[in-house]
Protein backbone atom coordinates (compact mmCIF):
# COMPACT_ATOMS: atom_id res chain seq x y z
CA MET A 1 -1.97 -12.21 24.28
CA SER A 2 0.71 -10.63 22.12
CA ILE A 3 1.17 -6.88 22.31
CA ARG A 4 2.94 -5.66 19.17
CA ARG A 5 3.24 -2.67 16.90
CA TYR A 6 0.54 -1.96 14.36
CA ARG A 7 1.02 -3.44 10.88
CA ALA A 8 -0.54 -2.34 7.61
CA GLU A 9 -2.67 -5.49 7.44
CA ASP A 10 -4.33 -4.50 10.76
CA PHE A 11 -6.01 -1.43 9.28
CA ASP A 12 -9.50 -2.83 8.62
CA ALA A 13 -9.74 -4.41 12.06
CA VAL A 14 -8.45 -1.31 13.83
CA ALA A 15 -10.74 1.05 11.90
CA SER A 16 -13.73 -1.18 12.65
CA LEU A 17 -12.92 -1.26 16.36
CA TRP A 18 -12.54 2.52 16.49
CA GLU A 19 -15.88 2.90 14.70
CA VAL A 20 -17.62 0.69 17.25
CA VAL A 21 -16.22 2.56 20.25
CA GLY A 22 -16.93 5.99 18.76
CA PHE A 23 -13.45 7.23 17.90
CA ASN A 24 -14.13 7.88 14.21
CA VAL A 25 -15.72 11.30 14.52
CA PRO A 26 -14.43 14.40 12.68
CA PRO A 27 -11.67 15.42 12.56
CA ASN A 28 -10.50 11.91 13.46
CA GLU A 29 -9.98 9.81 10.34
CA PRO A 30 -8.27 6.45 10.89
CA ARG A 31 -6.21 6.23 7.71
CA ARG A 32 -4.89 9.75 7.91
CA ASP A 33 -4.16 9.49 11.64
CA ILE A 34 -2.33 6.18 11.34
CA GLU A 35 -0.28 7.21 8.31
CA PHE A 36 0.69 10.42 10.10
CA LEU A 37 1.90 8.72 13.27
CA LEU A 38 3.85 6.08 11.32
CA ARG A 39 5.97 8.84 9.78
CA HIS A 40 7.24 9.93 13.20
CA ASP A 41 9.31 8.30 15.91
CA ASN A 42 7.65 9.92 18.94
CA ALA A 43 4.49 7.82 18.81
CA VAL A 44 3.52 4.17 18.56
CA LEU A 45 0.26 2.35 17.88
CA LEU A 46 0.10 -0.95 19.75
CA VAL A 47 -2.40 -3.73 19.14
CA ASP A 48 -3.33 -6.78 21.18
CA ASP A 49 -3.07 -9.70 18.77
CA VAL A 50 -4.67 -12.98 19.80
CA GLU A 51 -4.08 -15.66 17.17
CA GLY A 52 -4.29 -13.13 14.37
CA THR A 53 -7.29 -11.22 15.74
CA VAL A 54 -6.93 -7.63 16.91
CA MET A 55 -8.58 -7.46 20.34
CA GLY A 56 -7.64 -3.91 21.25
CA THR A 57 -5.46 -0.88 20.55
CA ILE A 58 -3.67 1.91 22.35
CA LEU A 59 -1.70 4.84 20.95
CA ALA A 60 1.17 6.34 22.97
CA GLY A 61 2.96 9.54 22.04
CA HIS A 62 4.99 12.31 23.61
CA ASP A 63 6.20 15.85 23.04
CA GLY A 64 9.53 15.36 24.84
CA HIS A 65 8.07 16.35 28.21
CA ARG A 66 4.67 14.73 28.62
CA GLY A 67 3.52 11.36 27.43
CA TRP A 68 -0.04 10.93 26.18
CA LEU A 69 -2.34 7.95 25.73
CA TYR A 70 -5.00 7.84 23.01
CA ARG A 71 -7.23 5.42 21.13
CA PHE A 72 -7.40 2.94 24.01
CA ALA A 73 -10.06 0.45 23.00
CA VAL A 74 -11.03 -3.21 23.41
CA TRP A 75 -13.87 -4.95 21.61
CA PRO A 76 -16.88 -4.79 23.99
CA GLU A 77 -17.39 -8.55 24.00
CA HIS A 78 -13.78 -9.15 25.07
CA ARG A 79 -13.54 -6.68 27.93
CA GLY A 80 -12.74 -7.90 31.41
CA LYS A 81 -10.29 -10.52 30.12
CA GLY A 82 -7.05 -8.61 30.66
CA HIS A 83 -6.59 -7.21 27.15
CA GLY A 84 -6.88 -3.63 28.33
CA ARG A 85 -4.47 -4.08 31.22
CA ALA A 86 -1.87 -5.61 28.91
CA LEU A 87 -2.19 -2.80 26.38
CA PHE A 88 -2.07 -0.14 29.06
CA ALA A 89 1.05 -1.60 30.66
CA ALA A 90 2.82 -1.90 27.31
CA ALA A 91 2.05 1.73 26.38
CA GLU A 92 3.21 3.03 29.78
CA GLN A 93 6.40 1.00 29.47
CA TRP A 94 7.04 2.42 25.97
CA LEU A 95 6.73 5.97 27.33
CA ALA A 96 8.78 5.29 30.46
CA ALA A 97 11.59 3.82 28.36
CA ARG A 98 11.86 7.18 26.58
CA GLY A 99 12.46 9.08 29.81
CA LEU A 100 8.98 10.59 30.20
CA VAL A 101 8.18 11.49 33.80
CA LYS A 102 4.48 12.27 33.33
CA ILE A 103 1.76 10.47 31.40
CA GLU A 104 -1.56 12.14 30.69
CA LEU A 105 -4.81 11.26 28.99
CA LEU A 106 -8.10 12.92 28.13
CA ILE A 107 -11.60 11.58 28.77
CA ARG A 108 -14.57 12.85 26.85
CA GLY A 109 -17.25 14.28 29.12
CA ASP A 110 -19.81 11.66 28.10
CA ASN A 111 -17.43 8.73 28.69
CA THR A 112 -17.89 8.55 32.45
CA GLN A 113 -17.71 4.76 32.67
CA VAL A 114 -13.98 4.66 31.91
CA LYS A 115 -12.94 7.07 34.68
CA PRO A 116 -12.88 4.42 37.46
CA TYR A 117 -10.69 2.21 35.25
CA TYR A 118 -8.04 4.92 34.97
CA GLU A 119 -8.29 5.73 38.67
CA ARG A 120 -7.52 2.11 39.53
CA ALA A 121 -4.48 2.38 37.24
CA GLY A 122 -3.14 5.28 39.34
CA TYR A 123 -4.39 8.24 37.33
CA GLU A 124 -6.09 11.17 39.04
CA GLN A 125 -7.96 14.21 37.88
CA THR A 126 -5.76 17.30 37.83
CA PRO A 127 -7.00 20.90 37.91
CA ARG A 128 -6.38 22.01 34.34
CA THR A 129 -8.39 23.93 31.80
CA VAL A 130 -8.13 22.22 28.43
CA MET A 131 -8.66 24.44 25.42
CA ALA A 132 -8.58 23.36 21.77
CA ARG A 133 -8.84 24.71 18.26
CA LEU A 134 -9.01 22.78 15.02
CA VAL A 135 -6.34 23.57 12.43
CA SER A 136 -7.88 23.88 8.98
CA ASP A 137 -6.56 22.18 5.86
CA ALA A 138 -5.77 25.60 4.43
CA GLU A 139 -3.68 26.51 7.48
CA ARG A 140 -1.73 23.28 7.29
CA ARG A 141 -0.96 23.82 3.61
CA ALA A 142 0.03 27.45 4.14
CA ALA A 143 2.31 26.58 7.07
CA VAL A 144 4.56 24.27 5.06
CA LEU A 145 7.92 25.94 4.48
CA LYS A 146 8.76 26.35 0.81
CA ILE A 147 12.44 25.69 0.14
CA PRO A 148 13.93 27.15 -3.06
CA VAL A 149 16.07 24.71 -5.02
CA VAL A 150 18.26 25.23 -8.08
CA ILE A 151 18.89 22.02 -10.03
CA THR A 152 21.90 21.87 -12.36
CA TYR A 153 21.91 19.25 -15.13
CA LEU A 154 25.28 18.05 -16.45
CA GLU A 155 26.39 15.78 -19.28
CA MET A 156 29.39 14.33 -21.05
CA THR A 157 29.22 13.20 -24.67
CA GLN A 158 32.39 11.14 -24.82
CA LYS A 159 34.22 8.99 -22.37
CA PRO A 160 36.99 11.02 -20.74
CA ALA A 161 40.54 9.78 -20.41
CA HIS A 162 41.32 9.71 -16.72
CA GLU A 163 44.58 9.06 -14.98
CA THR A 164 44.65 6.07 -12.66
CA LEU A 165 43.73 7.06 -9.13
CA PRO A 166 45.16 5.36 -6.04
CA MET A 167 42.70 3.22 -4.14
CA PRO A 168 41.31 4.94 -1.04
CA ALA A 169 42.29 3.57 2.36
CA GLY A 170 40.76 0.42 3.77
CA LYS A 171 39.31 -2.71 2.24
CA VAL A 172 37.18 -1.24 -0.56
CA ALA A 173 34.72 -3.12 -2.74
CA LEU A 174 32.04 -1.95 -5.17
CA LEU A 175 29.39 -4.60 -5.75
CA ARG A 176 26.24 -4.58 -7.82
CA ALA A 177 23.21 -5.15 -5.59
CA GLU A 178 20.65 -7.20 -7.51
CA HIS A 179 17.02 -7.42 -6.34
CA MET A 180 17.69 -5.09 -3.40
CA PRO A 181 14.79 -5.15 -0.90
CA VAL A 182 12.88 -1.89 -0.83
CA ALA A 183 13.46 -1.56 2.93
CA MET A 184 17.23 -1.68 2.38
CA PHE A 185 16.97 0.89 -0.40
CA ARG A 186 14.95 3.19 1.84
CA TYR A 187 17.65 2.91 4.51
CA LEU A 188 20.43 3.77 2.06
CA TYR A 189 18.45 6.58 0.47
CA GLY A 190 17.75 8.11 3.88
CA ALA A 191 21.23 7.55 5.31
CA VAL A 192 23.00 8.97 2.26
CA GLY A 193 20.50 11.61 1.18
CA GLY A 194 18.83 12.68 4.41
CA PRO A 195 21.38 15.39 5.29
CA TRP A 196 21.04 16.79 1.75
CA PHE A 197 17.25 16.68 1.63
CA TRP A 198 16.85 13.92 -0.94
CA TRP A 199 13.08 13.92 -0.84
CA GLU A 200 11.57 12.48 -4.02
CA ARG A 201 11.81 8.78 -3.19
CA CYS A 202 10.56 9.49 0.35
CA LEU A 203 7.20 10.40 -1.18
CA MET A 204 6.96 7.15 -3.16
CA SER A 205 5.20 3.95 -2.13
CA ASP A 206 7.10 0.67 -1.85
CA ASP A 207 5.58 -0.46 -5.16
CA GLU A 208 6.71 2.71 -6.92
CA ILE A 209 10.25 2.31 -5.62
CA ALA A 210 10.33 -1.38 -6.53
CA THR A 211 9.26 -0.56 -10.08
CA ILE A 212 12.37 1.61 -10.43
CA ILE A 213 15.08 -0.28 -8.60
CA HIS A 214 14.03 -3.72 -9.86
CA ASP A 215 13.90 -2.61 -13.50
CA PRO A 216 16.54 -4.59 -15.48
CA LYS A 217 17.83 -1.30 -16.90
CA VAL A 218 18.47 0.22 -13.47
CA GLU A 219 21.64 -0.85 -11.67
CA LEU A 220 22.50 -0.28 -8.02
CA TYR A 221 26.13 -0.40 -6.93
CA LEU A 222 26.90 -0.56 -3.23
CA LEU A 223 30.24 0.70 -1.94
CA HIS A 224 31.70 -1.27 0.98
CA VAL A 225 34.58 -0.09 3.14
CA ASP A 226 36.03 -2.59 5.59
CA GLY A 227 32.88 -4.67 5.10
CA CYS A 228 30.48 -1.82 5.93
CA PRO A 229 28.08 -0.08 3.53
CA ALA A 230 29.62 3.32 2.80
CA GLY A 231 27.56 4.66 -0.11
CA TYR A 232 25.85 3.76 -3.33
CA ALA A 233 25.25 4.79 -6.93
CA GLU A 234 22.21 4.23 -9.14
CA ILE A 235 22.81 3.95 -12.88
CA ASP A 236 19.71 4.33 -15.04
CA ARG A 237 19.78 3.01 -18.63
CA ARG A 238 16.03 3.24 -19.30
CA LYS A 239 16.31 6.09 -21.82
CA ASP A 240 17.72 5.14 -25.24
CA GLY A 241 21.15 6.58 -25.86
CA VAL A 242 21.41 8.15 -22.40
CA VAL A 243 22.77 6.74 -19.15
CA ASN A 244 21.93 8.77 -16.08
CA ILE A 245 23.84 8.50 -12.81
CA ASN A 246 20.67 9.06 -10.84
CA HIS A 247 21.91 8.94 -7.26
CA LEU A 248 25.45 8.91 -5.98
CA GLY A 249 26.55 9.57 -2.44
CA LEU A 250 28.19 8.45 0.76
CA LEU A 251 27.05 7.91 4.30
CA PRO A 252 28.20 10.88 6.42
CA ASP A 253 30.99 8.96 8.19
CA PHE A 254 32.76 8.29 4.88
CA ILE A 255 32.69 11.80 3.39
CA GLY A 256 36.02 13.57 2.90
CA ARG A 257 38.15 10.43 2.76
CA GLY A 258 38.46 9.90 -1.00
CA TYR A 259 35.63 7.42 -1.35
CA GLY A 260 33.35 9.84 -3.18
CA GLN A 261 35.86 10.40 -5.99
CA PHE A 262 36.39 6.64 -6.23
CA LEU A 263 32.64 5.95 -6.37
CA LEU A 264 32.09 8.64 -9.02
CA ARG A 265 34.97 7.43 -11.20
CA GLN A 266 33.81 3.81 -11.01
CA SER A 267 30.23 4.82 -11.75
CA MET A 268 31.33 6.75 -14.84
CA GLU A 269 33.31 3.75 -16.08
CA THR A 270 30.27 1.53 -15.60
CA ALA A 271 27.94 4.01 -17.29
CA TRP A 272 30.08 4.06 -20.45
CA ILE A 273 30.17 0.26 -20.79
CA THR A 274 27.12 0.27 -23.08
CA ASP A 275 28.61 3.07 -25.25
CA PRO A 276 25.74 5.57 -24.87
CA ASP A 277 25.49 8.88 -26.74
CA ARG A 278 25.90 10.70 -23.45
CA VAL A 279 26.11 10.21 -19.69
CA THR A 280 24.20 12.62 -17.47
CA VAL A 281 24.01 13.57 -13.82
CA ASP A 282 22.32 16.33 -11.85
CA THR A 283 22.82 18.06 -8.53
CA CYS A 284 21.11 20.85 -6.65
CA THR A 285 21.72 23.60 -4.12
CA LEU A 286 20.66 21.32 -1.25
CA ASP A 287 23.37 18.79 -2.14
CA HIS A 288 26.86 18.63 -0.66
CA PRO A 289 28.58 21.91 -1.67
CA GLY A 290 31.40 19.90 -3.24
CA ALA A 291 29.12 17.89 -5.53
CA LEU A 292 28.91 20.30 -8.48
CA PRO A 293 32.68 21.06 -8.60
CA ALA A 294 33.42 17.32 -8.33
CA TYR A 295 31.22 16.52 -11.32
CA GLN A 296 32.83 19.30 -13.36
CA ARG A 297 36.35 18.13 -12.48
CA ALA A 298 35.36 14.64 -13.58
CA GLY A 299 34.44 15.94 -17.04
CA PHE A 300 30.73 16.76 -16.83
CA THR A 301 29.52 20.03 -18.38
CA PRO A 302 26.38 21.89 -17.23
CA TYR A 303 23.74 22.14 -19.96
CA ALA A 304 20.62 23.34 -18.10
CA GLN A 305 19.32 24.70 -14.82
CA LYS A 306 15.87 24.68 -13.24
CA ARG A 307 14.54 26.61 -10.26
CA ILE A 308 11.80 24.99 -8.18
CA GLU A 309 10.30 25.16 -4.70
CA ILE A 310 9.71 22.08 -2.58
CA ASP A 311 7.59 21.57 0.51
CA ASP A 312 9.82 21.16 3.55
CA PRO A 313 10.09 17.34 3.82
CA ARG A 314 10.65 17.59 7.59
CA VAL A 315 7.03 18.66 8.16
CA ASN A 316 5.52 15.23 7.55
CA GLY A 317 8.46 13.27 8.90
CA HIS A 318 9.92 12.35 5.50
CA ILE A 319 13.30 13.60 6.72
CA PRO A 320 14.33 13.82 10.40
CA ALA A 321 13.75 17.30 11.81
CA ALA A 322 17.37 17.51 13.02
CA PHE A 323 18.67 17.80 9.44
CA GLU A 324 19.18 21.36 8.23
CA PRO A 325 19.26 22.05 4.50
CA ASN A 326 22.12 23.73 2.69
CA LEU A 327 19.84 26.64 1.79
CA PRO A 328 20.95 28.76 -1.17
């Protein structure tokens, strides 16, 4: 037996198992439920993998106080062989490792045969009245916080003459990252942009991101300080005559130490290499408050603004809930 986390390629087997044991009844929908839990860090879906075959599943989650067990299932023909015990132990260990002092589970009234199993595992019936209400799709949509955003678009139409700046402290290197794995890009995008609510790429699939970052006309430059990734810039040459500095930012630990000005200046130099008609960049009211003044000091001029509203990206786990936006 090998108890491991759920993988995307397990979906068909898991959905089939849940159908057989009766889990797939409204409002339970396997794809939605699995995609939802994968966006959060307070739940895990474990599978029992035996030579590539999914024998069983268990879902463990918590609210910071209580741990809960759901979707505990083993194929009927493979019960009594230890698969359930292994899954159960792994889920309890996952919850215990997160400091939970109580683990609870629910049993449907017509599922009386499983009660003795849980009793043997040390669970007992507690005097509680469980009440429930389904949340409608309309309620979920209406509950999403709308965040107002003002986007400012800037441009420069000729390469500015800049004085030579001193190198910032430390061993600094700016390297082009070719064929960057999508997982690494997601890490950088989240680490750099998470505090400023960079949300657009969070909504994209791996294939959609790969189409952008692996395009020959899109260049990624990774800033290293003392050997550590400190920030990155994305330079987009896909539009004729225009080079857009699409993303530029630092990891939080490197902000305020001169690296941002260095990264911007180097990115501008690189953008002008192909002698475009103009170089563009944009920023918004959720960005670092120093971003817009920094672009203007570097020679960019605002040419347009747009006001939009975005759905709070914290709701579906696209951005950690601890981040607070720089609301206008």
